[in-house]
Amino acid sequence: MSKRIDFVNSLKDLNEADLKARIQEDELRLKKLEFAHAISPLENPMSIRSLRKDVARLKTALGQKKTVKA
């Protein structure tokens, strides 16, 4: 639980460009994980779910920054 809170708190310090870069980086990592899982099962398939949720949190933070700025 505290890992998620730390993750969300760290997003507050990032600007829009940093958030966009991190989203692209994590989405690429997610695609690679999903591809690797399709070829042979991952040792921890829950990492895909957690990464997908992190991407969603990043996109939410980016949307909030855009609405505050506008």
PDB file of N, CA and C in Angstrom:
ATOM      1  N   MET A   1       0.823  -1.191   0.000  1.00  0.00           N
ATOM      2  CA  MET A   1       0.000   0.000   0.000  1.00  0.00           C
ATOM      3  C   MET A   1       0.865   1.252   0.000  1.00  0.00           C
ATOM      4  N   SER A   2       1.935   1.271   0.772  1.00  0.00           N
ATOM      5  CA  SER A   2       2.768   2.457   0.850  1.00  0.00           C
ATOM      6  C   SER A   2       3.547   2.683  -0.447  1.00  0.00           C
ATOM      7  N   LYS A   3       3.816   1.606  -1.199  1.00  0.00           N
ATOM      8  CA  LYS A   3       4.505   1.760  -2.477  1.00  0.00           C
ATOM      9  C   LYS A   3       3.657   2.590  -3.440  1.00  0.00           C
ATOM     10  N   ARG A   4       2.359   2.327  -3.447  1.00  0.00           N
ATOM     11  CA  ARG A   4       1.465   3.075  -4.329  1.00  0.00           C
ATOM     12  C   ARG A   4       1.394   4.534  -3.903  1.00  0.00           C
ATOM     13  N   ILE A   5       1.330   4.784  -2.607  1.00  0.00           N
ATOM     14  CA  ILE A   5       1.261   6.157  -2.106  1.00  0.00           C
ATOM     15  C   ILE A   5       2.543   6.908  -2.456  1.00  0.00           C
ATOM     16  N   ASP A   6       3.684   6.253  -2.304  1.00  0.00           N
ATOM     17  CA  ASP A   6       4.956   6.876  -2.680  1.00  0.00           C
ATOM     18  C   ASP A   6       4.991   7.187  -4.169  1.00  0.00           C
ATOM     19  N   PHE A   7       4.458   6.271  -4.986  1.00  0.00           N
ATOM     20  CA  PHE A   7       4.422   6.467  -6.436  1.00  0.00           C
ATOM     21  C   PHE A   7       3.585   7.694  -6.786  1.00  0.00           C
ATOM     22  N   VAL A   8       2.406   7.806  -6.187  1.00  0.00           N
ATOM     23  CA  VAL A   8       1.513   8.930  -6.470  1.00  0.00           C
ATOM     24  C   VAL A   8       2.136  10.238  -5.986  1.00  0.00           C
ATOM     25  N   ASN A   9       2.768  10.218  -4.833  1.00  0.00           N
ATOM     26  CA  ASN A   9       3.409  11.435  -4.320  1.00  0.00           C
ATOM     27  C   ASN A   9       4.581  11.859  -5.196  1.00  0.00           C
ATOM     28  N   SER A  10       5.284  10.908  -5.792  1.00  0.00           N
ATOM     29  CA  SER A  10       6.416  11.264  -6.653  1.00  0.00           C
ATOM     30  C   SER A  10       5.936  11.897  -7.961  1.00  0.00           C
ATOM     31  N   LEU A  11       4.700  11.622  -8.353  1.00  0.00           N
ATOM     32  CA  LEU A  11       4.170  12.193  -9.593  1.00  0.00           C
ATOM     33  C   LEU A  11       3.895  13.685  -9.468  1.00  0.00           C
ATOM     34  N   LYS A  12       3.660  14.153  -8.264  1.00  0.00           N
ATOM     35  CA  LYS A  12       3.350  15.564  -8.056  1.00  0.00           C
ATOM     36  C   LYS A  12       4.523  16.463  -8.423  1.00  0.00           C
ATOM     37  N   ASP A  13       5.743  15.934  -8.345  1.00  0.00           N
ATOM     38  CA  ASP A  13       6.935  16.727  -8.626  1.00  0.00           C
ATOM     39  C   ASP A  13       7.252  16.811 -10.110  1.00  0.00           C
ATOM     40  N   LEU A  14       6.642  15.957 -10.923  1.00  0.00           N
ATOM     41  CA  LEU A  14       6.959  15.904 -12.352  1.00  0.00           C
ATOM     42  C   LEU A  14       6.123  16.915 -13.140  1.00  0.00           C
ATOM     43  N   ASN A  15       6.723  17.456 -14.204  1.00  0.00           N
ATOM     44  CA  ASN A  15       5.963  18.341 -15.077  1.00  0.00           C
ATOM     45  C   ASN A  15       5.348  17.512 -16.210  1.00  0.00           C
ATOM     46  N   GLU A  16       4.617  18.179 -17.109  1.00  0.00           N
ATOM     47  CA  GLU A  16       3.891  17.459 -18.162  1.00  0.00           C
ATOM     48  C   GLU A  16       4.830  16.702 -19.098  1.00  0.00           C
ATOM     49  N   ALA A  17       5.939  17.303 -19.463  1.00  0.00           N
ATOM     50  CA  ALA A  17       6.876  16.640 -20.379  1.00  0.00           C
ATOM     51  C   ALA A  17       7.461  15.380 -19.747  1.00  0.00           C
ATOM     52  N   ASP A  18       7.788  15.466 -18.471  1.00  0.00           N
ATOM     53  CA  ASP A  18       8.325  14.293 -17.769  1.00  0.00           C
ATOM     54  C   ASP A  18       7.281  13.184 -17.673  1.00  0.00           C
ATOM     55  N   LEU A  19       6.042  13.572 -17.414  1.00  0.00           N
ATOM     56  CA  LEU A  19       4.964  12.578 -17.333  1.00  0.00           C
ATOM     57  C   LEU A  19       4.760  11.881 -18.672  1.00  0.00           C
ATOM     58  N   LYS A  20       4.764  12.666 -19.753  1.00  0.00           N
ATOM     59  CA  LYS A  20       4.578  12.073 -21.088  1.00  0.00           C
ATOM     60  C   LYS A  20       5.715  11.109 -21.414  1.00  0.00           C
ATOM     61  N   ALA A  21       6.931  11.499 -21.076  1.00  0.00           N
ATOM     62  CA  ALA A  21       8.081  10.626 -21.333  1.00  0.00           C
ATOM     63  C   ALA A  21       7.980   9.344 -20.517  1.00  0.00           C
ATOM     64  N   ARG A  22       7.566   9.470 -19.283  1.00  0.00           N
ATOM     65  CA  ARG A  22       7.438   8.281 -18.419  1.00  0.00           C
ATOM     66  C   ARG A  22       6.320   7.368 -18.898  1.00  0.00           C
ATOM     67  N   ILE A  23       5.226   7.955 -19.395  1.00  0.00           N
ATOM     68  CA  ILE A  23       4.124   7.154 -19.935  1.00  0.00           C
ATOM     69  C   ILE A  23       4.612   6.352 -21.134  1.00  0.00           C
ATOM     70  N   GLN A  24       5.318   7.005 -22.047  1.00  0.00           N
ATOM     71  CA  GLN A  24       5.817   6.301 -23.231  1.00  0.00           C
ATOM     72  C   GLN A  24       6.773   5.185 -22.841  1.00  0.00           C
ATOM     73  N   GLU A  25       7.642   5.471 -21.883  1.00  0.00           N
ATOM     74  CA  GLU A  25       8.615   4.482 -21.432  1.00  0.00           C
ATOM     75  C   GLU A  25       7.914   3.267 -20.801  1.00  0.00           C
ATOM     76  N   ASP A  26       6.927   3.533 -19.946  1.00  0.00           N
ATOM     77  CA  ASP A  26       6.223   2.432 -19.273  1.00  0.00           C
ATOM     78  C   ASP A  26       5.334   1.652 -20.234  1.00  0.00           C
ATOM     79  N   GLU A  27       4.744   2.332 -21.212  1.00  0.00           N
ATOM     80  CA  GLU A  27       3.933   1.612 -22.195  1.00  0.00           C
ATOM     81  C   GLU A  27       4.799   0.683 -23.040  1.00  0.00           C
ATOM     82  N   LEU A  28       5.999   1.130 -23.377  1.00  0.00           N
ATOM     83  CA  LEU A  28       6.916   0.273 -24.121  1.00  0.00           C
ATOM     84  C   LEU A  28       7.333  -0.934 -23.276  1.00  0.00           C
ATOM     85  N   ARG A  29       7.614  -0.684 -22.000  1.00  0.00           N
ATOM     86  CA  ARG A  29       7.958  -1.779 -21.097  1.00  0.00           C
ATOM     87  C   ARG A  29       6.799  -2.768 -20.950  1.00  0.00           C
ATOM     88  N   LEU A  30       5.562  -2.242 -20.924  1.00  0.00           N
ATOM     89  CA  LEU A  30       4.379  -3.091 -20.817  1.00  0.00           C
ATOM     90  C   LEU A  30       4.228  -3.971 -22.053  1.00  0.00           C
ATOM     91  N   LYS A  31       4.438  -3.397 -23.235  1.00  0.00           N
ATOM     92  CA  LYS A  31       4.351  -4.187 -24.469  1.00  0.00           C
ATOM     93  C   LYS A  31       5.388  -5.307 -24.473  1.00  0.00           C
ATOM     94  N   LYS A  32       6.598  -4.991 -24.031  1.00  0.00           N
ATOM     95  CA  LYS A  32       7.650  -6.006 -23.991  1.00  0.00           C
ATOM     96  C   LYS A  32       7.304  -7.126 -23.009  1.00  0.00           C
ATOM     97  N   LEU A  33       6.741  -6.746 -21.861  1.00  0.00           N
ATOM     98  CA  LEU A  33       6.356  -7.758 -20.876  1.00  0.00           C
ATOM     99  C   LEU A  33       5.243  -8.653 -21.413  1.00  0.00           C
ATOM    100  N   GLU A  34       4.243  -8.031 -22.049  1.00  0.00           N
ATOM    101  CA  GLU A  34       3.133  -8.817 -22.595  1.00  0.00           C
ATOM    102  C   GLU A  34       3.621  -9.750 -23.694  1.00  0.00           C
ATOM    103  N   PHE A  35       4.541  -9.278 -24.515  1.00  0.00           N
ATOM    104  CA  PHE A  35       5.092 -10.122 -25.577  1.00  0.00           C
ATOM    105  C   PHE A  35       5.877 -11.285 -24.990  1.00  0.00           C
ATOM    106  N   ALA A  36       6.698 -10.990 -23.994  1.00  0.00           N
ATOM    107  CA  ALA A  36       7.476 -12.040 -23.346  1.00  0.00           C
ATOM    108  C   ALA A  36       6.561 -13.061 -22.667  1.00  0.00           C
ATOM    109  N   HIS A  37       5.462 -12.593 -22.113  1.00  0.00           N
ATOM    110  CA  HIS A  37       4.518 -13.491 -21.451  1.00  0.00           C
ATOM    111  C   HIS A  37       3.788 -14.369 -22.469  1.00  0.00           C
ATOM    112  N   ALA A  38       3.566 -13.845 -23.662  1.00  0.00           N
ATOM    113  CA  ALA A  38       2.900 -14.632 -24.698  1.00  0.00           C
ATOM    114  C   ALA A  38       3.807 -15.752 -25.199  1.00  0.00           C
ATOM    115  N   ILE A  39       5.093 -15.496 -25.236  1.00  0.00           N
ATOM    116  CA  ILE A  39       6.040 -16.502 -25.719  1.00  0.00           C
ATOM    117  C   ILE A  39       6.260 -17.583 -24.661  1.00  0.00           C
ATOM    118  N   SER A  40       6.609 -17.165 -23.466  1.00  0.00           N
ATOM    119  CA  SER A  40       6.775 -18.111 -22.365  1.00  0.00           C
ATOM    120  C   SER A  40       6.269 -17.434 -21.096  1.00  0.00           C
ATOM    121  N   PRO A  41       5.608 -18.167 -20.239  1.00  0.00           N
ATOM    122  CA  PRO A  41       5.016 -17.548 -19.044  1.00  0.00           C
ATOM    123  C   PRO A  41       6.053 -16.840 -18.177  1.00  0.00           C
ATOM    124  N   LEU A  42       5.671 -15.673 -17.688  1.00  0.00           N
ATOM    125  CA  LEU A  42       6.538 -14.922 -16.791  1.00  0.00           C
ATOM    126  C   LEU A  42       6.542 -15.567 -15.411  1.00  0.00           C
ATOM    127  N   GLU A  43       7.598 -15.323 -14.685  1.00  0.00           N
ATOM    128  CA  GLU A  43       7.673 -15.840 -13.325  1.00  0.00           C
ATOM    129  C   GLU A  43       6.626 -15.162 -12.443  1.00  0.00           C
ATOM    130  N   ASN A  44       6.401 -13.871 -12.680  1.00  0.00           N
ATOM    131  CA  ASN A  44       5.412 -13.119 -11.914  1.00  0.00           C
ATOM    132  C   ASN A  44       4.494 -12.371 -12.882  1.00  0.00           C
ATOM    133  N   PRO A  45       3.405 -13.000 -13.338  1.00  0.00           N
ATOM    134  CA  PRO A  45       2.514 -12.337 -14.291  1.00  0.00           C
ATOM    135  C   PRO A  45       1.757 -11.149 -13.691  1.00  0.00           C
ATOM    136  N   MET A  46       1.756 -11.029 -12.367  1.00  0.00           N
ATOM    137  CA  MET A  46       1.082  -9.883 -11.746  1.00  0.00           C
ATOM    138  C   MET A  46       1.826  -8.580 -12.024  1.00  0.00           C
ATOM    139  N   SER A  47       3.077  -8.674 -12.466  1.00  0.00           N
ATOM    140  CA  SER A  47       3.825  -7.464 -12.791  1.00  0.00           C
ATOM    141  C   SER A  47       3.188  -6.740 -13.972  1.00  0.00           C
ATOM    142  N   ILE A  48       2.536  -7.483 -14.860  1.00  0.00           N
ATOM    143  CA  ILE A  48       1.844  -6.856 -15.987  1.00  0.00           C
ATOM    144  C   ILE A  48       0.697  -6.003 -15.466  1.00  0.00           C
ATOM    145  N   ARG A  49      -0.058  -6.547 -14.538  1.00  0.00           N
ATOM    146  CA  ARG A  49      -1.196  -5.813 -13.981  1.00  0.00           C
ATOM    147  C   ARG A  49      -0.739  -4.555 -13.252  1.00  0.00           C
ATOM    148  N   SER A  50       0.300  -4.673 -12.452  1.00  0.00           N
ATOM    149  CA  SER A  50       0.772  -3.513 -11.690  1.00  0.00           C
ATOM    150  C   SER A  50       1.333  -2.433 -12.613  1.00  0.00           C
ATOM    151  N   LEU A  51       2.016  -2.840 -13.668  1.00  0.00           N
ATOM    152  CA  LEU A  51       2.546  -1.860 -14.614  1.00  0.00           C
ATOM    153  C   LEU A  51       1.414  -1.168 -15.362  1.00  0.00           C
ATOM    154  N   ARG A  52       0.386  -1.924 -15.711  1.00  0.00           N
ATOM    155  CA  ARG A  52      -0.770  -1.341 -16.399  1.00  0.00           C
ATOM    156  C   ARG A  52      -1.450  -0.316 -15.492  1.00  0.00           C
ATOM    157  N   LYS A  53      -1.548  -0.614 -14.204  1.00  0.00           N
ATOM    158  CA  LYS A  53      -2.146   0.328 -13.255  1.00  0.00           C
ATOM    159  C   LYS A  53      -1.268   1.564 -13.082  1.00  0.00           C
ATOM    160  N   ASP A  54       0.042   1.381 -13.095  1.00  0.00           N
ATOM    161  CA  ASP A  54       0.949   2.525 -12.997  1.00  0.00           C
ATOM    162  C   ASP A  54       0.796   3.453 -14.194  1.00  0.00           C
ATOM    163  N   VAL A  55       0.631   2.876 -15.383  1.00  0.00           N
ATOM    164  CA  VAL A  55       0.422   3.693 -16.582  1.00  0.00           C
ATOM    165  C   VAL A  55      -0.879   4.482 -16.443  1.00  0.00           C
ATOM    166  N   ALA A  56      -1.915   3.837 -15.924  1.00  0.00           N
ATOM    167  CA  ALA A  56      -3.187   4.530 -15.721  1.00  0.00           C
ATOM    168  C   ALA A  56      -3.035   5.670 -14.722  1.00  0.00           C
ATOM    169  N   ARG A  57      -2.260   5.440 -13.661  1.00  0.00           N
ATOM    170  CA  ARG A  57      -2.029   6.503 -12.678  1.00  0.00           C
ATOM    171  C   ARG A  57      -1.266   7.671 -13.305  1.00  0.00           C
ATOM    172  N   LEU A  58      -0.296   7.359 -14.159  1.00  0.00           N
ATOM    173  CA  LEU A  58       0.454   8.407 -14.845  1.00  0.00           C
ATOM    174  C   LEU A  58      -0.459   9.225 -15.754  1.00  0.00           C
ATOM    175  N   LYS A  59      -1.329   8.538 -16.489  1.00  0.00           N
ATOM    176  CA  LYS A  59      -2.246   9.244 -17.385  1.00  0.00           C
ATOM    177  C   LYS A  59      -3.229  10.103 -16.604  1.00  0.00           C
ATOM    178  N   THR A  60      -3.671   9.616 -15.454  1.00  0.00           N
ATOM    179  CA  THR A  60      -4.561  10.402 -14.601  1.00  0.00           C
ATOM    180  C   THR A  60      -3.857  11.651 -14.094  1.00  0.00           C
ATOM    181  N   ALA A  61      -2.619  11.507 -13.651  1.00  0.00           N
ATOM    182  CA  ALA A  61      -1.854  12.649 -13.162  1.00  0.00           C
ATOM    183  C   ALA A  61      -1.632  13.668 -14.276  1.00  0.00           C
ATOM    184  N   LEU A  62      -1.376  13.178 -15.492  1.00  0.00           N
ATOM    185  CA  LEU A  62      -1.192  14.082 -16.624  1.00  0.00           C
ATOM    186  C   LEU A  62      -2.483  14.838 -16.921  1.00  0.00           C
ATOM    187  N   GLY A  63      -3.599  14.145 -16.892  1.00  0.00           N
ATOM    188  CA  GLY A  63      -4.890  14.796 -17.115  1.00  0.00           C
ATOM    189  C   GLY A  63      -5.189  15.829 -16.060  1.00  0.00           C
ATOM    190  N   GLN A  64      -4.855  15.557 -14.821  1.00  0.00           N
ATOM    191  CA  GLN A  64      -5.076  16.519 -13.745  1.00  0.00           C
ATOM    192  C   GLN A  64      -4.196  17.750 -13.928  1.00  0.00           C
ATOM    193  N   LYS A  65      -2.966  17.551 -14.371  1.00  0.00           N
ATOM    194  CA  LYS A  65      -2.076  18.698 -14.592  1.00  0.00           C
ATOM    195  C   LYS A  65      -2.600  19.571 -15.730  1.00  0.00           C
ATOM    196  N   LYS A  66      -3.155  18.929 -16.762  1.00  0.00           N
ATOM    197  CA  LYS A  66      -3.682  19.689 -17.890  1.00  0.00           C
ATOM    198  C   LYS A  66      -4.913  20.496 -17.482  1.00  0.00           C
ATOM    199  N   THR A  67      -5.801  19.923 -16.657  1.00  0.00           N
ATOM    200  CA  THR A  67      -7.006  20.644 -16.255  1.00  0.00           C
ATOM    201  C   THR A  67      -6.681  21.780 -15.302  1.00  0.00           C
ATOM    202  N   VAL A  68      -5.682  21.603 -14.452  1.00  0.00           N
ATOM    203  CA  VAL A  68      -5.285  22.662 -13.531  1.00  0.00           C
ATOM    204  C   VAL A  68      -4.651  23.803 -14.313  1.00  0.00           C
ATOM    205  N   LYS A  69      -3.879  23.454 -15.333  1.00  0.00           N
ATOM    206  CA  LYS A  69      -3.178  24.461 -16.130  1.00  0.00           C
ATOM    207  C   LYS A  69      -4.161  25.267 -16.982  1.00  0.00           C
ATOM    208  N   ALA A  70      -5.203  24.622 -17.474  1.00  0.00           N
ATOM    209  CA  ALA A  70      -6.158  25.290 -18.380  1.00  0.00           C
ATOM    210  C   ALA A  70      -7.080  26.230 -17.671  1.00  0.00           C
TER     211      ALA A  70
END
